[in-house]
């Protein structure tokens, strides 16, 4: 009986370890709530998007105090600097939480 416990424990520990070693899907900036798409007026692609979490240090417009999207660091810059978001997307937050979708489904059922 004791040997069976040890074998089961070892099996499940190995199984948990193997599942945690699966490669994680990368987090893309376009799916982050801080992503600011480039303006259409210049015809830029999404790869030129900005991150609203990282404005330049002197980003506030001195007339009205509003931070414009042009005053944010690009997403590629934020992902390449460790103290910002890093390649592992340390400050990434999903645009839409799962709870919102669940509530919408509940409303549709009524």
C-alpha atoms as a PDB file:
ATOM      1  CA  UNK A   1       0.000   0.000   0.000  1.00  0.00           C
ATOM      2  CA  UNK A   2       2.813   2.376   0.912  1.00  0.00           C
ATOM      3  CA  UNK A   3       4.604   1.632  -2.357  1.00  0.00           C
ATOM      4  CA  UNK A   4       1.406   2.326  -4.305  1.00  0.00           C
ATOM      5  CA  UNK A   5       1.107   5.769  -2.667  1.00  0.00           C
ATOM      6  CA  UNK A   6       4.678   6.613  -3.565  1.00  0.00           C
ATOM      7  CA  UNK A   7       4.169   5.501  -7.161  1.00  0.00           C
ATOM      8  CA  UNK A   8       0.932   7.473  -7.521  1.00  0.00           C
ATOM      9  CA  UNK A   9       2.483  10.524  -5.931  1.00  0.00           C
ATOM     10  CA  UNK A  10       5.476  10.334  -8.256  1.00  0.00           C
ATOM     11  CA  UNK A  11       3.212   9.829 -11.278  1.00  0.00           C
ATOM     12  CA  UNK A  12       1.030  12.846 -10.516  1.00  0.00           C
ATOM     13  CA  UNK A  13       4.050  15.022  -9.682  1.00  0.00           C
ATOM     14  CA  UNK A  14       5.593  14.109 -13.021  1.00  0.00           C
ATOM     15  CA  UNK A  15       2.306  14.793 -14.785  1.00  0.00           C
ATOM     16  CA  UNK A  16       2.016  18.248 -13.184  1.00  0.00           C
ATOM     17  CA  UNK A  17       5.600  19.078 -14.060  1.00  0.00           C
ATOM     18  CA  UNK A  18       5.107  18.009 -17.671  1.00  0.00           C
ATOM     19  CA  UNK A  19       1.974  20.135 -18.033  1.00  0.00           C
ATOM     20  CA  UNK A  20       3.738  23.182 -16.635  1.00  0.00           C
ATOM     21  CA  UNK A  21       6.566  22.799 -19.155  1.00  0.00           C
ATOM     22  CA  UNK A  22       4.268  23.269 -22.151  1.00  0.00           C
ATOM     23  CA  UNK A  23       5.304  26.301 -24.165  1.00  0.00           C
ATOM     24  CA  UNK A  24       3.068  29.220 -23.294  1.00  0.00           C
ATOM     25  CA  UNK A  25       1.371  31.134 -26.049  1.00  0.00           C
ATOM     26  CA  UNK A  26       2.950  34.567 -26.434  1.00  0.00           C
ATOM     27  CA  UNK A  27       1.005  37.615 -25.339  1.00  0.00           C
ATOM     28  CA  UNK A  28       0.451  39.976 -28.239  1.00  0.00           C
ATOM     29  CA  UNK A  29       0.256  43.720 -27.711  1.00  0.00           C
ATOM     30  CA  UNK A  30      -2.778  44.053 -30.014  1.00  0.00           C
ATOM     31  CA  UNK A  31      -4.764  42.022 -27.450  1.00  0.00           C
ATOM     32  CA  UNK A  32      -3.680  44.232 -24.524  1.00  0.00           C
ATOM     33  CA  UNK A  33      -5.918  46.926 -23.060  1.00  0.00           C
ATOM     34  CA  UNK A  34      -3.033  49.434 -23.195  1.00  0.00           C
ATOM     35  CA  UNK A  35      -2.525  49.047 -26.967  1.00  0.00           C
ATOM     36  CA  UNK A  36      -3.165  52.211 -28.991  1.00  0.00           C
ATOM     37  CA  UNK A  37      -3.480  51.482 -32.716  1.00  0.00           C
ATOM     38  CA  UNK A  38      -1.739  53.858 -35.124  1.00  0.00           C
ATOM     39  CA  UNK A  39      -3.838  56.536 -36.737  1.00  0.00           C
ATOM     40  CA  UNK A  40      -5.430  55.765 -40.102  1.00  0.00           C
ATOM     41  CA  UNK A  41      -4.329  59.089 -41.536  1.00  0.00           C
ATOM     42  CA  UNK A  42      -0.781  57.794 -42.072  1.00  0.00           C
ATOM     43  CA  UNK A  43      -1.714  54.311 -43.285  1.00  0.00           C
ATOM     44  CA  UNK A  44       0.469  52.641 -40.667  1.00  0.00           C
ATOM     45  CA  UNK A  45       0.189  48.960 -39.778  1.00  0.00           C
ATOM     46  CA  UNK A  46      -0.601  47.606 -36.307  1.00  0.00           C
ATOM     47  CA  UNK A  47       3.099  46.966 -35.761  1.00  0.00           C
ATOM     48  CA  UNK A  48       3.474  50.729 -35.272  1.00  0.00           C
ATOM     49  CA  UNK A  49       1.068  50.749 -32.322  1.00  0.00           C
ATOM     50  CA  UNK A  50       1.803  52.543 -29.065  1.00  0.00           C
ATOM     51  CA  UNK A  51       1.501  51.505 -25.427  1.00  0.00           C
ATOM     52  CA  UNK A  52      -0.612  53.854 -23.315  1.00  0.00           C
ATOM     53  CA  UNK A  53       1.021  52.513 -20.169  1.00  0.00           C
ATOM     54  CA  UNK A  54       4.327  54.169 -21.058  1.00  0.00           C
ATOM     55  CA  UNK A  55       4.060  57.860 -21.993  1.00  0.00           C
ATOM     56  CA  UNK A  56       7.188  59.901 -22.499  1.00  0.00           C
ATOM     57  CA  UNK A  57       8.307  61.687 -19.335  1.00  0.00           C
ATOM     58  CA  UNK A  58       7.247  65.096 -20.696  1.00  0.00           C
ATOM     59  CA  UNK A  59       4.151  63.835 -22.486  1.00  0.00           C
ATOM     60  CA  UNK A  60       1.497  66.200 -21.113  1.00  0.00           C
ATOM     61  CA  UNK A  61       0.602  68.829 -23.643  1.00  0.00           C
ATOM     62  CA  UNK A  62       1.293  72.118 -21.878  1.00  0.00           C
ATOM     63  CA  UNK A  63      -1.868  73.841 -23.101  1.00  0.00           C
ATOM     64  CA  UNK A  64      -4.528  71.418 -21.886  1.00  0.00           C
ATOM     65  CA  UNK A  65      -2.593  68.705 -19.978  1.00  0.00           C
ATOM     66  CA  UNK A  66      -3.853  65.892 -22.191  1.00  0.00           C
ATOM     67  CA  UNK A  67      -1.484  63.115 -23.248  1.00  0.00           C
ATOM     68  CA  UNK A  68      -1.747  62.443 -26.986  1.00  0.00           C
ATOM     69  CA  UNK A  69      -1.212  58.965 -28.489  1.00  0.00           C
ATOM     70  CA  UNK A  70       1.872  60.230 -30.330  1.00  0.00           C
ATOM     71  CA  UNK A  71       3.474  60.820 -26.947  1.00  0.00           C
ATOM     72  CA  UNK A  72       3.570  57.122 -25.964  1.00  0.00           C
ATOM     73  CA  UNK A  73       6.442  54.732 -26.471  1.00  0.00           C
ATOM     74  CA  UNK A  74       5.897  52.207 -29.232  1.00  0.00           C
ATOM     75  CA  UNK A  75       4.897  48.687 -28.236  1.00  0.00           C
ATOM     76  CA  UNK A  76       8.068  47.272 -29.730  1.00  0.00           C
ATOM     77  CA  UNK A  77      10.129  49.608 -27.542  1.00  0.00           C
ATOM     78  CA  UNK A  78       8.167  48.698 -24.411  1.00  0.00           C
ATOM     79  CA  UNK A  79       8.567  44.980 -25.116  1.00  0.00           C
ATOM     80  CA  UNK A  80      12.306  45.311 -25.705  1.00  0.00           C
ATOM     81  CA  UNK A  81      13.079  47.114 -22.421  1.00  0.00           C
ATOM     82  CA  UNK A  82      13.136  44.998 -19.268  1.00  0.00           C
ATOM     83  CA  UNK A  83      12.000  47.790 -16.952  1.00  0.00           C
ATOM     84  CA  UNK A  84       8.930  48.437 -19.101  1.00  0.00           C
ATOM     85  CA  UNK A  85       6.982  45.393 -20.307  1.00  0.00           C
ATOM     86  CA  UNK A  86       9.800  43.072 -21.365  1.00  0.00           C
ATOM     87  CA  UNK A  87       9.566  40.249 -23.904  1.00  0.00           C
ATOM     88  CA  UNK A  88       7.473  38.273 -21.397  1.00  0.00           C
ATOM     89  CA  UNK A  89       4.765  40.993 -21.350  1.00  0.00           C
ATOM     90  CA  UNK A  90       5.028  41.621 -17.610  1.00  0.00           C
ATOM     91  CA  UNK A  91       2.403  44.390 -17.606  1.00  0.00           C
ATOM     92  CA  UNK A  92       0.071  42.835 -20.183  1.00  0.00           C
ATOM     93  CA  UNK A  93      -3.653  42.905 -19.405  1.00  0.00           C
ATOM     94  CA  UNK A  94      -6.307  41.375 -21.619  1.00  0.00           C
ATOM     95  CA  UNK A  95      -8.577  43.817 -23.403  1.00  0.00           C
ATOM     96  CA  UNK A  96     -11.667  41.859 -22.543  1.00  0.00           C
ATOM     97  CA  UNK A  97     -12.036  39.854 -19.372  1.00  0.00           C
ATOM     98  CA  UNK A  98     -13.810  36.526 -19.551  1.00  0.00           C
ATOM     99  CA  UNK A  99     -16.443  37.789 -17.106  1.00  0.00           C
ATOM    100  CA  UNK A 100     -17.718  40.303 -19.646  1.00  0.00           C
ATOM    101  CA  UNK A 101     -18.370  37.546 -22.171  1.00  0.00           C
ATOM    102  CA  UNK A 102     -20.082  35.387 -19.565  1.00  0.00           C
ATOM    103  CA  UNK A 103     -22.397  38.260 -18.598  1.00  0.00           C
ATOM    104  CA  UNK A 104     -23.227  38.899 -22.250  1.00  0.00           C
ATOM    105  CA  UNK A 105     -24.100  35.225 -22.721  1.00  0.00           C
ATOM    106  CA  UNK A 106     -26.343  35.345 -19.639  1.00  0.00           C
ATOM    107  CA  UNK A 107     -28.139  38.395 -21.044  1.00  0.00           C
ATOM    108  CA  UNK A 108     -28.665  36.667 -24.401  1.00  0.00           C
ATOM    109  CA  UNK A 109     -30.213  33.636 -22.667  1.00  0.00           C
ATOM    110  CA  UNK A 110     -32.901  35.778 -21.003  1.00  0.00           C
END
